Protein backbone atom coordinates (compact mmCIF):
# COMPACT_ATOMS: atom_id res chain seq x y z
CA MET A 1 -147.36 122.84 29.99
CA ILE A 2 -147.63 126.65 29.29
CA SER A 3 -151.06 127.87 29.55
CA ALA A 4 -152.40 131.00 28.34
CA THR A 5 -152.01 132.73 31.94
CA HIS A 6 -148.30 132.26 31.50
CA TYR A 7 -148.39 134.14 28.49
CA LEU A 8 -150.40 137.15 30.33
CA ILE A 9 -147.95 137.24 33.01
CA LEU A 10 -145.42 137.60 30.77
CA SER A 11 -147.36 140.36 28.82
CA LEU A 12 -147.85 142.13 32.08
CA ILE A 13 -144.12 142.19 32.68
CA LEU A 14 -143.55 143.60 29.19
CA LEU A 15 -146.10 146.36 29.16
CA SER A 16 -144.63 147.39 33.04
CA LEU A 17 -141.20 147.49 31.74
CA GLY A 18 -142.23 149.54 28.35
CA LEU A 19 -144.35 151.83 30.69
CA ILE A 20 -141.63 152.55 33.31
CA GLY A 21 -139.25 152.82 30.09
CA VAL A 22 -141.54 156.03 28.49
CA MET A 23 -142.11 157.42 31.70
CA MET A 24 -138.30 157.26 33.42
CA ARG A 25 -135.92 157.67 30.01
CA ARG A 26 -135.29 160.80 28.31
CA ASN A 27 -133.56 159.74 25.31
CA PHE A 28 -135.65 159.40 22.31
CA ILE A 29 -134.41 156.41 20.87
CA THR A 30 -134.81 154.42 24.21
CA VAL A 31 -138.34 155.99 24.44
CA LEU A 32 -138.93 154.06 21.04
CA MET A 33 -137.81 150.94 22.06
CA SER A 34 -139.98 151.35 25.16
CA LEU A 35 -143.03 151.19 22.70
CA GLU A 36 -142.05 148.63 21.18
CA LEU A 37 -142.08 146.70 24.20
CA ILE A 38 -145.97 147.59 24.72
CA PHE A 39 -146.71 146.40 21.42
CA ASN A 40 -145.00 143.25 22.03
CA ALA A 41 -146.93 143.14 24.98
CA VAL A 42 -150.19 143.60 23.31
CA ASN A 43 -149.35 141.22 20.65
CA LEU A 44 -148.68 138.30 22.97
CA ASN A 45 -152.09 139.14 24.76
CA LEU A 46 -153.76 139.12 21.24
CA ILE A 47 -152.18 135.66 20.44
CA ALA A 48 -152.74 134.27 23.80
CA PHE A 49 -156.33 135.03 24.10
CA SER A 50 -156.60 134.02 20.00
CA TYR A 51 -155.20 130.57 21.07
CA GLN A 52 -157.56 130.09 24.19
CA LEU A 53 -160.61 130.93 22.18
CA GLY A 54 -159.47 129.13 19.30
CA ASP A 55 -159.86 131.70 16.82
CA LEU A 56 -157.58 133.27 14.34
CA SER A 57 -158.86 137.30 14.39
CA GLY A 58 -156.66 137.74 17.29
CA GLN A 59 -153.54 136.43 15.36
CA ILE A 60 -154.49 138.72 12.33
CA LEU A 61 -155.03 141.44 14.54
CA ALA A 62 -151.47 141.21 15.82
CA ILE A 63 -150.05 141.55 12.10
CA PHE A 64 -151.70 144.71 11.90
CA VAL A 65 -150.39 145.79 15.14
CA ILE A 66 -146.56 144.77 13.71
CA THR A 67 -147.40 146.68 10.75
CA VAL A 68 -148.19 149.68 12.82
CA ALA A 69 -145.40 149.33 15.10
CA ALA A 70 -142.85 148.91 11.88
CA ALA A 71 -144.47 152.40 10.61
CA GLU A 72 -143.97 154.29 14.03
CA ALA A 73 -140.42 152.80 13.94
CA ALA A 74 -139.98 154.47 10.40
CA ILE A 75 -141.17 157.74 11.22
CA GLY A 76 -139.62 157.70 15.06
CA LEU A 77 -136.07 157.17 13.10
CA GLY A 78 -137.01 159.74 10.61
CA LEU A 79 -137.44 162.28 13.79
CA ILE A 80 -134.44 161.29 15.34
CA ILE A 81 -132.68 162.07 12.14
CA ALA A 82 -134.26 165.53 12.18
CA LEU A 83 -133.71 166.19 15.61
CA THR A 84 -130.00 165.16 15.49
CA ARG A 85 -129.69 167.81 12.50
CA LEU A 86 -131.46 170.42 14.00
CA ARG A 87 -130.55 170.25 17.58
CA ASN A 88 -127.71 167.96 17.86
CA THR A 89 -129.14 165.82 20.82
CA VAL A 90 -131.86 162.99 21.16
CA ASN A 91 -132.41 163.91 24.82
CA LEU A 92 -136.07 164.84 25.34
CA ASP A 93 -135.36 167.48 28.00
CA GLU A 94 -133.32 169.57 25.73
CA VAL A 95 -135.72 169.31 22.97
CA HIS A 96 -139.21 171.48 23.55
CA GLU A 97 -140.28 171.74 19.95
CA MET A 98 -139.42 170.49 16.35
CA GLU A 99 -139.08 174.33 14.84
CA GLY A 100 -135.91 175.26 13.14
């Protein structure tokens, strides 16, 4: 049977991959996807602890985190479009600031 420890190990792996992606990658889209991995790791932790404690508050908080992640994705895609129009690139090394 799968216990909460298995979920926490999976969450640790997702968090590690997300952190490595944010630190190593220079493509804005890849950085946003890595941030989504980090959000999913947090959600997995919240749901695993909520299940272990028999309380629904962790699952409700996970729904709010999903909402924040959706807003972050929408704002990030808007930034990508603005960045592409202004600088013709999504490489973070080539862009220092967002001024026209």
